[in-house]
Amino acid sequence: MKAKTTHKTPAIVLRTLDYGESDRIVTFYTADFGKIKGIAKGARRSQRRFANTLEPFSCITILFSKKDDASLAFLENSDIIDHYAAIRADLEKTLQASYLVDLTDQFTLEGKANYLLFESIKDFLKLIDEGHASDTLLRFFEMRLLKYSGYEPVLDRCTVCQKPVNELKTCRFNFRDGGINCDHCRNGSFDGLSLSLGTVKSLLLGKDMDLTKIHRLSLSPQTAQESKTLLAGFIRHLLGKELKSAHVLNQIRRLGI
């Protein structure tokens, strides 16, 4: 008989899927076990065991058990830590939070723990909930997510000659190489995305800045647009697709809703 172990851990709800008449399959990013997928029996009917806790981007404590060879954990109970009520009351904030957890889901593997990533998700959700929702905040989350998942773009030096960015006059981002190239190393090629050095330095600054101060950092219109183009393009290059949550966020903004 396969052993079954029980665990308790803080978790962020990434997505849910109704299953059968009363069950729900939930994907979490946890503090101690990374991404896990579990089934909550009777979650759609129970008003006691899972009362309003299994909603996307909720921060909760989960109690679950899992057999060694099982693909799904069995969710036994959950308690709310933070429901982020201010996010749910605002469409723009809801869309930003949905993009944040969707991005996390796409860049993480099941069973691979990363406590720094978990803390980053929780901290950025809190900033959005407290009223600091902005595109600048999303750019800095994207940078940290790419860093923690092993796909950090190389912005501090030319990927070919290793010349530091502070010694460059101009640069282009090469999506294939995942980093910037100086004028000399790109050999006259116009492949990639032209970036101002101000954009590069702003992204490097925001990537590691103390989160208690990060909402004070604003980007110029040029830097904001270049940063969005760079990171959206790089994420699309890595995933091979545009995230649905990003598409919806952009569409709603274009419609002015």
Protein backbone atom coordinates (compact mmCIF):
# COMPACT_ATOMS: atom_id res chain seq x y z
CA MET A 1 0.00 0.00 0.00
CA LYS A 2 1.29 3.43 -0.97
CA ALA A 3 1.98 5.82 1.90
CA LYS A 4 -0.17 8.89 2.32
CA THR A 5 1.24 11.98 4.00
CA THR A 6 -0.55 15.08 5.26
CA HIS A 7 0.84 18.60 4.97
CA LYS A 8 -0.12 22.16 5.90
CA THR A 9 1.21 25.16 4.02
CA PRO A 10 0.38 28.72 2.94
CA ALA A 11 -0.73 28.85 -0.70
CA ILE A 12 -1.91 31.16 -3.47
CA VAL A 13 -4.76 29.92 -5.66
CA LEU A 14 -3.65 30.03 -9.30
CA ARG A 15 -6.72 28.55 -11.02
CA THR A 16 -9.73 26.34 -10.48
CA LEU A 17 -11.70 23.87 -12.56
CA ASP A 18 -15.14 22.50 -11.72
CA TYR A 19 -15.15 18.71 -11.77
CA GLY A 20 -18.22 16.51 -11.74
CA GLU A 21 -21.32 17.73 -9.93
CA SER A 22 -19.75 19.03 -6.75
CA ASP A 23 -15.94 18.81 -6.82
CA ARG A 24 -13.31 21.33 -7.79
CA ILE A 25 -9.74 20.84 -9.01
CA VAL A 26 -7.50 23.63 -7.76
CA THR A 27 -3.95 24.59 -8.73
CA PHE A 28 -1.94 26.29 -5.97
CA TYR A 29 1.46 27.83 -5.62
CA THR A 30 2.58 26.97 -2.10
CA ALA A 31 5.29 28.28 0.20
CA ASP A 32 6.73 24.85 0.99
CA PHE A 33 5.98 22.59 -1.99
CA GLY A 34 5.86 24.86 -5.03
CA LYS A 35 3.00 24.28 -7.44
CA ILE A 36 0.57 21.51 -6.59
CA LYS A 37 -2.77 20.43 -8.01
CA GLY A 38 -5.46 19.04 -5.73
CA ILE A 39 -9.08 18.03 -5.67
CA ALA A 40 -11.52 19.56 -3.20
CA LYS A 41 -14.35 17.08 -2.76
CA GLY A 42 -17.74 18.74 -2.43
CA ALA A 43 -16.22 22.22 -2.67
CA ARG A 44 -19.06 23.52 -4.82
CA ARG A 45 -21.63 22.47 -2.24
CA SER A 46 -19.85 22.85 1.09
CA GLN A 47 -20.37 26.17 2.85
CA ARG A 48 -18.21 25.19 5.79
CA ARG A 49 -14.96 23.43 4.77
CA PHE A 50 -14.01 25.68 1.84
CA ALA A 51 -16.16 28.76 2.40
CA ASN A 52 -15.07 31.23 -0.31
CA THR A 53 -11.41 30.29 0.00
CA LEU A 54 -10.85 28.57 -3.34
CA GLU A 55 -10.99 31.63 -5.56
CA PRO A 56 -8.16 32.71 -7.88
CA PHE A 57 -5.37 34.75 -6.25
CA SER A 58 -6.69 34.15 -2.71
CA CYS A 59 -3.94 33.61 -0.15
CA ILE A 60 -4.91 30.71 2.11
CA THR A 61 -3.59 27.97 4.35
CA ILE A 62 -4.31 24.52 2.99
CA LEU A 63 -4.32 21.12 4.67
CA PHE A 64 -3.82 18.36 2.11
CA SER A 65 -2.79 14.75 1.85
CA LYS A 66 -1.22 12.92 -1.05
CA LYS A 67 -0.15 9.39 -1.87
CA ASP A 68 3.34 9.01 -3.31
CA ASP A 69 2.11 7.98 -6.76
CA ALA A 70 -0.99 10.20 -6.96
CA SER A 71 -1.22 12.98 -9.55
CA LEU A 72 -3.72 14.93 -7.44
CA ALA A 73 -3.52 15.88 -3.80
CA PHE A 74 -6.63 15.56 -1.64
CA LEU A 75 -7.57 18.91 -0.14
CA GLU A 76 -8.90 18.38 3.35
CA ASN A 77 -9.39 21.94 4.54
CA SER A 78 -8.49 25.57 3.81
CA ASP A 79 -8.49 28.81 5.80
CA ILE A 80 -8.29 32.30 4.39
CA ILE A 81 -5.21 34.45 5.04
CA ASP A 82 -6.10 37.29 2.67
CA HIS A 83 -8.98 37.46 0.20
CA TYR A 84 -7.75 40.76 -1.30
CA ALA A 85 -11.19 42.37 -1.17
CA ALA A 86 -10.01 45.65 -2.71
CA ILE A 87 -8.70 43.79 -5.76
CA ARG A 88 -12.00 41.98 -6.27
CA ALA A 89 -13.93 45.25 -6.04
CA ASP A 90 -11.99 46.79 -8.94
CA LEU A 91 -11.89 45.43 -12.51
CA GLU A 92 -8.42 46.78 -13.37
CA LYS A 93 -6.92 45.33 -10.20
CA THR A 94 -8.68 42.00 -10.78
CA LEU A 95 -7.27 41.78 -14.29
CA GLN A 96 -3.76 42.62 -13.06
CA ALA A 97 -3.94 40.02 -10.29
CA SER A 98 -5.30 37.44 -12.73
CA TYR A 99 -2.35 38.10 -15.05
CA LEU A 100 0.07 37.78 -12.14
CA VAL A 101 -1.15 34.31 -11.13
CA ASP A 102 -1.55 33.18 -14.75
CA LEU A 103 2.07 34.10 -15.42
CA THR A 104 3.14 32.20 -12.31
CA ASP A 105 1.20 29.14 -13.43
CA GLN A 106 2.82 29.17 -16.87
CA PHE A 107 6.41 29.49 -15.62
CA THR A 108 6.37 26.97 -12.78
CA LEU A 109 6.52 23.18 -12.59
CA GLU A 110 4.65 21.04 -10.10
CA GLY A 111 6.56 20.01 -7.00
CA LYS A 112 9.42 22.46 -7.39
CA ALA A 113 9.45 24.74 -4.34
CA ASN A 114 10.66 28.33 -4.50
CA TYR A 115 9.90 30.27 -1.34
CA LEU A 116 11.18 33.58 -2.78
CA LEU A 117 8.74 33.29 -5.66
CA PHE A 118 5.86 32.54 -3.30
CA GLU A 119 6.72 35.59 -1.19
CA SER A 120 7.02 37.73 -4.31
CA ILE A 121 3.54 36.73 -5.54
CA LYS A 122 2.04 37.45 -2.12
CA ASP A 123 3.84 40.80 -1.78
CA PHE A 124 2.81 42.06 -5.22
CA LEU A 125 -0.82 41.04 -4.64
CA LYS A 126 -0.71 43.02 -1.40
CA LEU A 127 0.68 46.08 -3.20
CA ILE A 128 -2.12 45.90 -5.79
CA ASP A 129 -4.70 45.45 -3.03
CA GLU A 130 -3.34 48.50 -1.19
CA GLY A 131 -3.88 50.70 -4.23
CA HIS A 132 -0.51 50.60 -5.98
CA ALA A 133 -1.77 48.86 -9.12
CA SER A 134 0.18 50.03 -12.16
CA ASP A 135 1.91 48.79 -15.28
CA THR A 136 5.23 49.64 -13.62
CA LEU A 137 4.42 47.19 -10.83
CA LEU A 138 3.61 44.47 -13.38
CA ARG A 139 6.93 45.02 -15.18
CA PHE A 140 8.87 44.56 -11.96
CA PHE A 141 6.89 41.44 -11.09
CA GLU A 142 7.64 40.04 -14.54
CA MET A 143 11.34 40.66 -13.98
CA ARG A 144 11.31 38.91 -10.60
CA LEU A 145 9.27 35.99 -11.88
CA LEU A 146 11.71 35.48 -14.77
CA LYS A 147 14.61 35.68 -12.33
CA TYR A 148 13.17 33.14 -9.87
CA SER A 149 12.10 30.73 -12.62
CA GLY A 150 15.52 30.73 -14.29
CA TYR A 151 14.73 32.87 -17.34
CA GLU A 152 16.05 36.26 -16.25
CA PRO A 153 16.93 38.41 -19.28
CA VAL A 154 20.56 39.53 -19.37
CA LEU A 155 20.41 43.32 -19.10
CA ASP A 156 23.53 44.17 -17.12
CA ARG A 157 26.02 43.37 -19.91
CA CYS A 158 26.37 42.48 -23.58
CA THR A 159 25.75 38.74 -23.93
CA VAL A 160 28.60 38.45 -26.48
CA CYS A 161 31.53 40.56 -25.26
CA GLN A 162 30.34 40.91 -21.64
CA LYS A 163 30.84 44.70 -21.66
CA PRO A 164 28.88 46.20 -18.72
CA VAL A 165 25.76 48.16 -19.59
CA ASN A 166 27.25 51.29 -17.95
CA GLU A 167 29.89 51.31 -20.71
CA LEU A 168 27.42 51.01 -23.59
CA LYS A 169 26.01 53.89 -25.64
CA THR A 170 23.11 51.98 -27.23
CA CYS A 171 21.91 48.39 -27.25
CA ARG A 172 19.40 46.00 -28.74
CA PHE A 173 17.67 43.10 -27.02
CA ASN A 174 18.13 39.78 -28.81
CA PHE A 175 15.14 37.56 -27.98
CA ARG A 176 16.93 34.42 -29.14
CA ASP A 177 19.93 35.03 -26.86
CA GLY A 178 17.80 36.36 -24.02
CA GLY A 179 19.85 39.50 -23.51
CA ILE A 180 21.26 42.74 -24.86
CA ASN A 181 23.92 43.18 -27.54
CA CYS A 182 26.14 46.23 -27.92
CA ASP A 183 26.58 48.00 -31.28
CA HIS A 184 29.85 46.22 -32.01
CA CYS A 185 28.57 42.71 -31.29
CA ARG A 186 25.37 42.99 -33.28
CA ASN A 187 27.53 43.57 -36.39
CA GLY A 188 25.13 45.99 -38.03
CA SER A 189 22.17 43.64 -37.64
CA PHE A 190 18.79 45.21 -36.92
CA ASP A 191 17.36 42.04 -35.38
CA GLY A 192 15.88 42.42 -31.95
CA LEU A 193 14.46 45.38 -30.08
CA SER A 194 16.19 48.73 -29.73
CA LEU A 195 16.28 49.88 -26.10
CA SER A 196 17.30 53.07 -24.39
CA LEU A 197 19.85 52.62 -21.63
CA GLY A 198 17.41 54.36 -19.29
CA THR A 199 14.91 51.53 -19.82
CA VAL A 200 17.54 48.86 -19.16
CA LYS A 201 18.76 50.56 -15.97
CA SER A 202 15.20 51.13 -14.70
CA LEU A 203 14.35 47.43 -15.09
CA LEU A 204 17.54 46.42 -13.31
CA LEU A 205 16.78 48.85 -10.49
CA GLY A 206 13.18 47.68 -10.03
CA LYS A 207 14.10 44.00 -10.20
CA ASP A 208 15.90 44.08 -6.85
CA MET A 209 14.42 47.12 -5.15
CA ASP A 210 12.93 46.82 -1.65
CA LEU A 211 9.19 46.23 -2.14
CA THR A 212 8.34 48.82 0.52
CA LYS A 213 9.79 51.44 -1.84
CA ILE A 214 9.06 49.97 -5.26
CA HIS A 215 5.71 51.72 -5.75
CA ARG A 216 7.54 55.07 -5.56
CA LEU A 217 9.50 54.29 -8.73
CA SER A 218 7.79 55.61 -11.86
CA LEU A 219 8.78 55.14 -15.48
CA SER A 220 8.82 57.76 -18.21
CA PRO A 221 6.36 57.15 -21.09
CA GLN A 222 9.22 55.96 -23.34
CA THR A 223 10.64 53.63 -20.68
CA ALA A 224 7.18 52.28 -19.82
CA GLN A 225 6.45 51.46 -23.47
CA GLU A 226 9.88 49.93 -24.15
CA SER A 227 9.69 47.85 -20.98
CA LYS A 228 6.25 46.51 -21.87
CA THR A 229 7.30 45.69 -25.44
CA LEU A 230 10.48 43.99 -24.25
CA LEU A 231 8.95 41.84 -21.52
CA ALA A 232 5.76 40.97 -23.42
CA GLY A 233 7.87 39.93 -26.40
CA PHE A 234 10.33 37.93 -24.31
CA ILE A 235 7.57 36.14 -22.39
CA ARG A 236 5.80 35.34 -25.66
CA HIS A 237 9.11 34.05 -27.07
CA LEU A 238 9.66 31.79 -24.05
CA LEU A 239 6.10 30.42 -23.88
CA GLY A 240 5.40 30.34 -27.60
CA LYS A 241 2.08 32.14 -27.07
CA GLU A 242 0.42 35.22 -25.63
CA LEU A 243 -1.26 34.65 -22.28
CA LYS A 244 -5.04 34.92 -22.39
CA SER A 245 -5.00 37.03 -19.22
CA ALA A 246 -2.63 39.54 -20.85
CA HIS A 247 -4.81 39.69 -23.96
CA VAL A 248 -7.95 40.33 -21.89
CA LEU A 249 -6.21 43.04 -19.84
CA ASN A 250 -5.08 44.83 -23.00
CA GLN A 251 -8.48 44.47 -24.69
CA ILE A 252 -10.38 45.89 -21.71
CA ARG A 253 -8.01 48.84 -21.60
CA ARG A 254 -8.44 49.52 -25.30
CA LEU A 255 -12.22 49.49 -24.85
CA GLY A 256 -11.85 51.98 -21.99
CA ILE A 257 -13.91 49.88 -19.57
